[in-house]
Amino acid sequence: MYVCMCHAVTEDQVKKAIDAGAGTPRQIARGCKAGTDCGSCVRRIQALLGEHGARPCPTARLAAKLGLADPQDQAAPAPVATATQAAPTPVAPLRAA
């Protein structure tokens, strides 16, 4: 099965890269270019890495540390802001010196 349609990379090619020591999507991309064009295959690459014992994506670890919902869990609705909640304070853009 193809993982990356842009570069015709198969699941077997990604698994071979993982077996050869690749532990991140970026390391996979260095070997076969999967995930470097449209990016739609990166989640599948991350899943294959997870299935083969690689550590979780840093974004997933950060979300867990902050107590945010798992991005894979779409069942939980997003909280709705109410009139009693304060609006976020606008931040001025940075200027080059």
N, C-alpha and C. Protein backbone atom coordinates (compact mmCIF):
# COMPACT_ATOMS: atom_id res chain seq x y z
N MET A 1 0.85 -1.18 0.00
CA MET A 1 0.00 0.00 0.00
C MET A 1 0.89 1.24 0.00
N TYR A 2 0.47 2.24 -0.77
CA TYR A 2 1.23 3.49 -0.81
C TYR A 2 0.94 4.32 0.44
N VAL A 3 2.00 4.89 1.00
CA VAL A 3 1.88 5.81 2.11
C VAL A 3 1.94 7.23 1.55
N CYS A 4 2.88 7.47 0.66
CA CYS A 4 3.08 8.79 0.07
C CYS A 4 2.83 8.70 -1.43
N MET A 5 1.75 9.29 -1.87
CA MET A 5 1.41 9.27 -3.29
C MET A 5 2.30 10.24 -4.09
N CYS A 6 2.73 11.31 -3.47
CA CYS A 6 3.54 12.31 -4.18
C CYS A 6 4.88 11.73 -4.65
N HIS A 7 5.46 10.85 -3.83
CA HIS A 7 6.77 10.29 -4.16
C HIS A 7 6.73 8.77 -4.32
N ALA A 8 5.54 8.20 -4.44
CA ALA A 8 5.35 6.76 -4.65
C ALA A 8 6.11 5.92 -3.64
N VAL A 9 5.93 6.25 -2.36
CA VAL A 9 6.59 5.53 -1.27
C VAL A 9 5.59 4.57 -0.65
N THR A 10 5.99 3.32 -0.54
CA THR A 10 5.10 2.30 0.00
C THR A 10 5.30 2.14 1.50
N GLU A 11 4.33 1.48 2.13
CA GLU A 11 4.41 1.19 3.55
C GLU A 11 5.63 0.32 3.84
N ASP A 12 5.93 -0.62 2.95
CA ASP A 12 7.11 -1.47 3.14
C ASP A 12 8.40 -0.67 3.14
N GLN A 13 8.49 0.35 2.28
CA GLN A 13 9.68 1.20 2.25
C GLN A 13 9.83 1.96 3.56
N VAL A 14 8.72 2.46 4.09
CA VAL A 14 8.77 3.19 5.37
C VAL A 14 9.18 2.24 6.49
N LYS A 15 8.62 1.03 6.49
CA LYS A 15 8.96 0.05 7.53
C LYS A 15 10.44 -0.33 7.46
N LYS A 16 10.98 -0.45 6.24
CA LYS A 16 12.41 -0.76 6.09
C LYS A 16 13.27 0.37 6.64
N ALA A 17 12.84 1.61 6.41
CA ALA A 17 13.57 2.76 6.95
C ALA A 17 13.53 2.76 8.48
N ILE A 18 12.39 2.40 9.04
CA ILE A 18 12.27 2.32 10.50
C ILE A 18 13.18 1.22 11.03
N ASP A 19 13.18 0.07 10.37
CA ASP A 19 14.04 -1.04 10.78
C ASP A 19 15.52 -0.66 10.67
N ALA A 20 15.84 0.24 9.75
CA ALA A 20 17.22 0.69 9.56
C ALA A 20 17.62 1.77 10.56
N GLY A 21 16.66 2.21 11.41
CA GLY A 21 17.01 3.16 12.46
C GLY A 21 16.30 4.49 12.43
N ALA A 22 15.48 4.75 11.41
CA ALA A 22 14.74 6.02 11.38
C ALA A 22 13.73 6.04 12.52
N GLY A 23 13.67 7.15 13.24
CA GLY A 23 12.78 7.23 14.39
C GLY A 23 11.83 8.42 14.37
N THR A 24 11.92 9.23 13.31
CA THR A 24 11.04 10.40 13.18
C THR A 24 10.60 10.53 11.73
N PRO A 25 9.48 11.25 11.49
CA PRO A 25 9.07 11.48 10.10
C PRO A 25 10.15 12.18 9.28
N ARG A 26 10.90 13.07 9.91
CA ARG A 26 11.97 13.78 9.20
C ARG A 26 13.07 12.82 8.74
N GLN A 27 13.40 11.85 9.59
CA GLN A 27 14.41 10.85 9.21
C GLN A 27 13.89 9.96 8.08
N ILE A 28 12.60 9.65 8.12
CA ILE A 28 12.00 8.89 7.02
C ILE A 28 12.11 9.71 5.73
N ALA A 29 11.80 11.00 5.81
CA ALA A 29 11.82 11.87 4.64
C ALA A 29 13.21 11.98 4.03
N ARG A 30 14.23 11.98 4.87
CA ARG A 30 15.60 12.07 4.33
C ARG A 30 15.92 10.89 3.43
N GLY A 31 15.38 9.73 3.76
CA GLY A 31 15.68 8.53 2.99
C GLY A 31 14.86 8.37 1.72
N CYS A 32 13.57 8.73 1.77
CA CYS A 32 12.70 8.43 0.63
C CYS A 32 11.83 9.60 0.19
N LYS A 33 11.95 10.75 0.84
CA LYS A 33 11.21 11.97 0.53
C LYS A 33 9.72 11.92 0.91
N ALA A 34 9.27 10.85 1.54
CA ALA A 34 7.86 10.78 1.97
C ALA A 34 7.59 11.90 2.98
N GLY A 35 6.50 12.61 2.79
CA GLY A 35 6.11 13.67 3.70
C GLY A 35 6.70 15.03 3.37
N THR A 36 7.43 15.14 2.28
CA THR A 36 8.08 16.41 1.96
C THR A 36 7.32 17.26 0.94
N ASP A 37 6.24 16.73 0.40
CA ASP A 37 5.50 17.51 -0.60
C ASP A 37 4.20 18.03 0.01
N CYS A 38 3.11 17.32 -0.11
CA CYS A 38 1.82 17.82 0.39
C CYS A 38 1.65 17.58 1.89
N GLY A 39 2.35 16.59 2.46
CA GLY A 39 2.29 16.34 3.89
C GLY A 39 1.14 15.48 4.36
N SER A 40 0.28 15.03 3.46
CA SER A 40 -0.88 14.25 3.89
C SER A 40 -0.50 12.87 4.43
N CYS A 41 0.71 12.42 4.17
CA CYS A 41 1.13 11.09 4.62
C CYS A 41 1.82 11.11 5.98
N VAL A 42 2.09 12.27 6.53
CA VAL A 42 2.88 12.36 7.76
C VAL A 42 2.20 11.66 8.93
N ARG A 43 0.88 11.78 9.04
CA ARG A 43 0.17 11.09 10.13
C ARG A 43 0.31 9.58 10.01
N ARG A 44 0.24 9.06 8.81
CA ARG A 44 0.41 7.62 8.62
C ARG A 44 1.84 7.20 8.95
N ILE A 45 2.81 8.01 8.58
CA ILE A 45 4.20 7.73 8.91
C ILE A 45 4.37 7.72 10.43
N GLN A 46 3.77 8.69 11.11
CA GLN A 46 3.83 8.73 12.57
C GLN A 46 3.20 7.49 13.18
N ALA A 47 2.09 7.04 12.61
CA ALA A 47 1.43 5.83 13.10
C ALA A 47 2.33 4.62 12.91
N LEU A 48 2.98 4.51 11.77
CA LEU A 48 3.89 3.39 11.53
C LEU A 48 5.07 3.44 12.49
N LEU A 49 5.58 4.62 12.76
CA LEU A 49 6.66 4.76 13.74
C LEU A 49 6.19 4.29 15.12
N GLY A 50 4.98 4.69 15.50
CA GLY A 50 4.43 4.27 16.79
C GLY A 50 4.22 2.78 16.88
N GLU A 51 3.77 2.16 15.79
CA GLU A 51 3.56 0.72 15.76
C GLU A 51 4.87 -0.05 15.90
N HIS A 52 5.97 0.60 15.53
CA HIS A 52 7.27 -0.05 15.57
C HIS A 52 8.11 0.43 16.75
N GLY A 53 7.47 0.98 17.76
CA GLY A 53 8.15 1.30 19.00
C GLY A 53 8.85 2.64 19.07
N ALA A 54 8.68 3.50 18.08
CA ALA A 54 9.29 4.83 18.16
C ALA A 54 8.55 5.64 19.21
N ARG A 55 9.22 6.62 19.77
CA ARG A 55 8.54 7.43 20.77
C ARG A 55 7.51 8.33 20.12
N PRO A 56 6.51 8.77 20.87
CA PRO A 56 5.44 9.59 20.30
C PRO A 56 5.97 10.91 19.74
N CYS A 57 5.21 11.44 18.83
CA CYS A 57 5.51 12.74 18.24
C CYS A 57 5.61 13.79 19.35
N PRO A 58 6.58 14.72 19.30
CA PRO A 58 6.68 15.75 20.34
C PRO A 58 5.40 16.54 20.52
N THR A 59 4.64 16.77 19.47
CA THR A 59 3.39 17.51 19.58
C THR A 59 2.40 16.74 20.45
N ALA A 60 2.33 15.42 20.29
CA ALA A 60 1.42 14.61 21.09
C ALA A 60 1.84 14.63 22.56
N ARG A 61 3.15 14.58 22.81
CA ARG A 61 3.64 14.63 24.19
C ARG A 61 3.30 15.97 24.82
N LEU A 62 3.47 17.05 24.07
CA LEU A 62 3.16 18.38 24.59
C LEU A 62 1.67 18.51 24.88
N ALA A 63 0.83 18.01 23.98
CA ALA A 63 -0.62 18.07 24.20
C ALA A 63 -1.00 17.30 25.46
N ALA A 64 -0.39 16.13 25.66
CA ALA A 64 -0.69 15.34 26.85
C ALA A 64 -0.23 16.08 28.11
N LYS A 65 0.93 16.71 28.04
CA LYS A 65 1.47 17.44 29.20
C LYS A 65 0.57 18.62 29.58
N LEU A 66 0.00 19.26 28.56
CA LEU A 66 -0.88 20.40 28.79
C LEU A 66 -2.31 20.00 29.12
N GLY A 67 -2.59 18.69 29.05
CA GLY A 67 -3.93 18.20 29.34
C GLY A 67 -4.92 18.45 28.22
N LEU A 68 -4.42 18.62 27.00
CA LEU A 68 -5.30 18.84 25.87
C LEU A 68 -5.78 17.50 25.34
N ALA A 69 -6.87 17.54 24.61
CA ALA A 69 -7.43 16.31 24.04
C ALA A 69 -6.48 15.73 23.01
N ASP A 70 -6.49 14.41 22.92
CA ASP A 70 -5.69 13.71 21.92
C ASP A 70 -6.21 14.10 20.54
N PRO A 71 -5.34 14.51 19.61
CA PRO A 71 -5.82 14.90 18.28
C PRO A 71 -6.53 13.76 17.56
N GLN A 72 -6.26 12.51 17.92
CA GLN A 72 -6.93 11.37 17.30
C GLN A 72 -8.36 11.25 17.81
N ASP A 73 -8.65 11.81 18.98
CA ASP A 73 -9.96 11.70 19.59
C ASP A 73 -10.82 12.89 19.19
N GLN A 74 -11.57 12.74 18.14
CA GLN A 74 -12.40 13.83 17.64
C GLN A 74 -13.81 13.79 18.26
N ALA A 75 -14.07 12.84 19.15
CA ALA A 75 -15.40 12.69 19.73
C ALA A 75 -15.72 13.83 20.70
N ALA A 76 -14.71 14.36 21.38
CA ALA A 76 -14.94 15.40 22.37
C ALA A 76 -15.14 16.73 21.68
N PRO A 77 -16.26 17.41 21.94
CA PRO A 77 -16.48 18.72 21.30
C PRO A 77 -15.58 19.78 21.92
N ALA A 78 -15.26 20.78 21.14
CA ALA A 78 -14.43 21.88 21.62
C ALA A 78 -15.25 22.73 22.58
N PRO A 79 -14.63 23.29 23.63
CA PRO A 79 -15.37 24.14 24.56
C PRO A 79 -15.84 25.41 23.86
N VAL A 80 -17.00 25.87 24.27
CA VAL A 80 -17.59 27.06 23.68
C VAL A 80 -17.39 28.22 24.64
N ALA A 81 -16.92 29.35 24.10
CA ALA A 81 -16.71 30.52 24.93
C ALA A 81 -18.05 31.12 25.33
N THR A 82 -18.12 31.59 26.56
CA THR A 82 -19.35 32.23 27.03
C THR A 82 -19.10 33.72 27.23
N ALA A 83 -20.16 34.46 27.43
CA ALA A 83 -20.05 35.91 27.59
C ALA A 83 -19.29 36.28 28.86
N THR A 84 -19.25 35.38 29.86
CA THR A 84 -18.58 35.70 31.11
C THR A 84 -17.08 35.48 31.03
N GLN A 85 -16.62 34.79 29.98
CA GLN A 85 -15.19 34.57 29.85
C GLN A 85 -14.55 35.79 29.21
N ALA A 86 -13.35 36.12 29.66
CA ALA A 86 -12.64 37.27 29.12
C ALA A 86 -12.10 36.95 27.74
N ALA A 87 -12.15 37.93 26.88
CA ALA A 87 -11.58 37.77 25.54
C ALA A 87 -10.06 37.81 25.64
N PRO A 88 -9.35 37.10 24.76
CA PRO A 88 -7.90 37.14 24.82
C PRO A 88 -7.37 38.55 24.52
N THR A 89 -6.28 38.88 25.15
CA THR A 89 -5.67 40.18 24.95
C THR A 89 -4.92 40.20 23.64
N PRO A 90 -5.17 41.17 22.78
CA PRO A 90 -4.43 41.22 21.51
C PRO A 90 -2.95 41.47 21.76
N VAL A 91 -2.12 40.89 20.90
CA VAL A 91 -0.68 41.02 21.01
C VAL A 91 -0.18 41.79 19.80
N ALA A 92 0.65 42.78 20.03
CA ALA A 92 1.20 43.57 18.94
C ALA A 92 2.26 42.74 18.20
N PRO A 93 2.32 42.84 16.88
CA PRO A 93 3.32 42.09 16.12
C PRO A 93 4.74 42.61 16.42
N LEU A 94 5.70 41.72 16.28
CA LEU A 94 7.10 42.11 16.49
C LEU A 94 7.59 42.91 15.32
N ARG A 95 8.46 43.84 15.59
CA ARG A 95 9.03 44.66 14.53
C ARG A 95 10.52 44.40 14.42
N ALA A 96 11.00 44.35 13.20
CA ALA A 96 12.43 44.16 12.98
C ALA A 96 13.16 45.43 13.36
N ALA A 97 14.31 45.29 13.99
CA ALA A 97 15.07 46.47 14.42
C ALA A 97 15.99 46.95 13.34
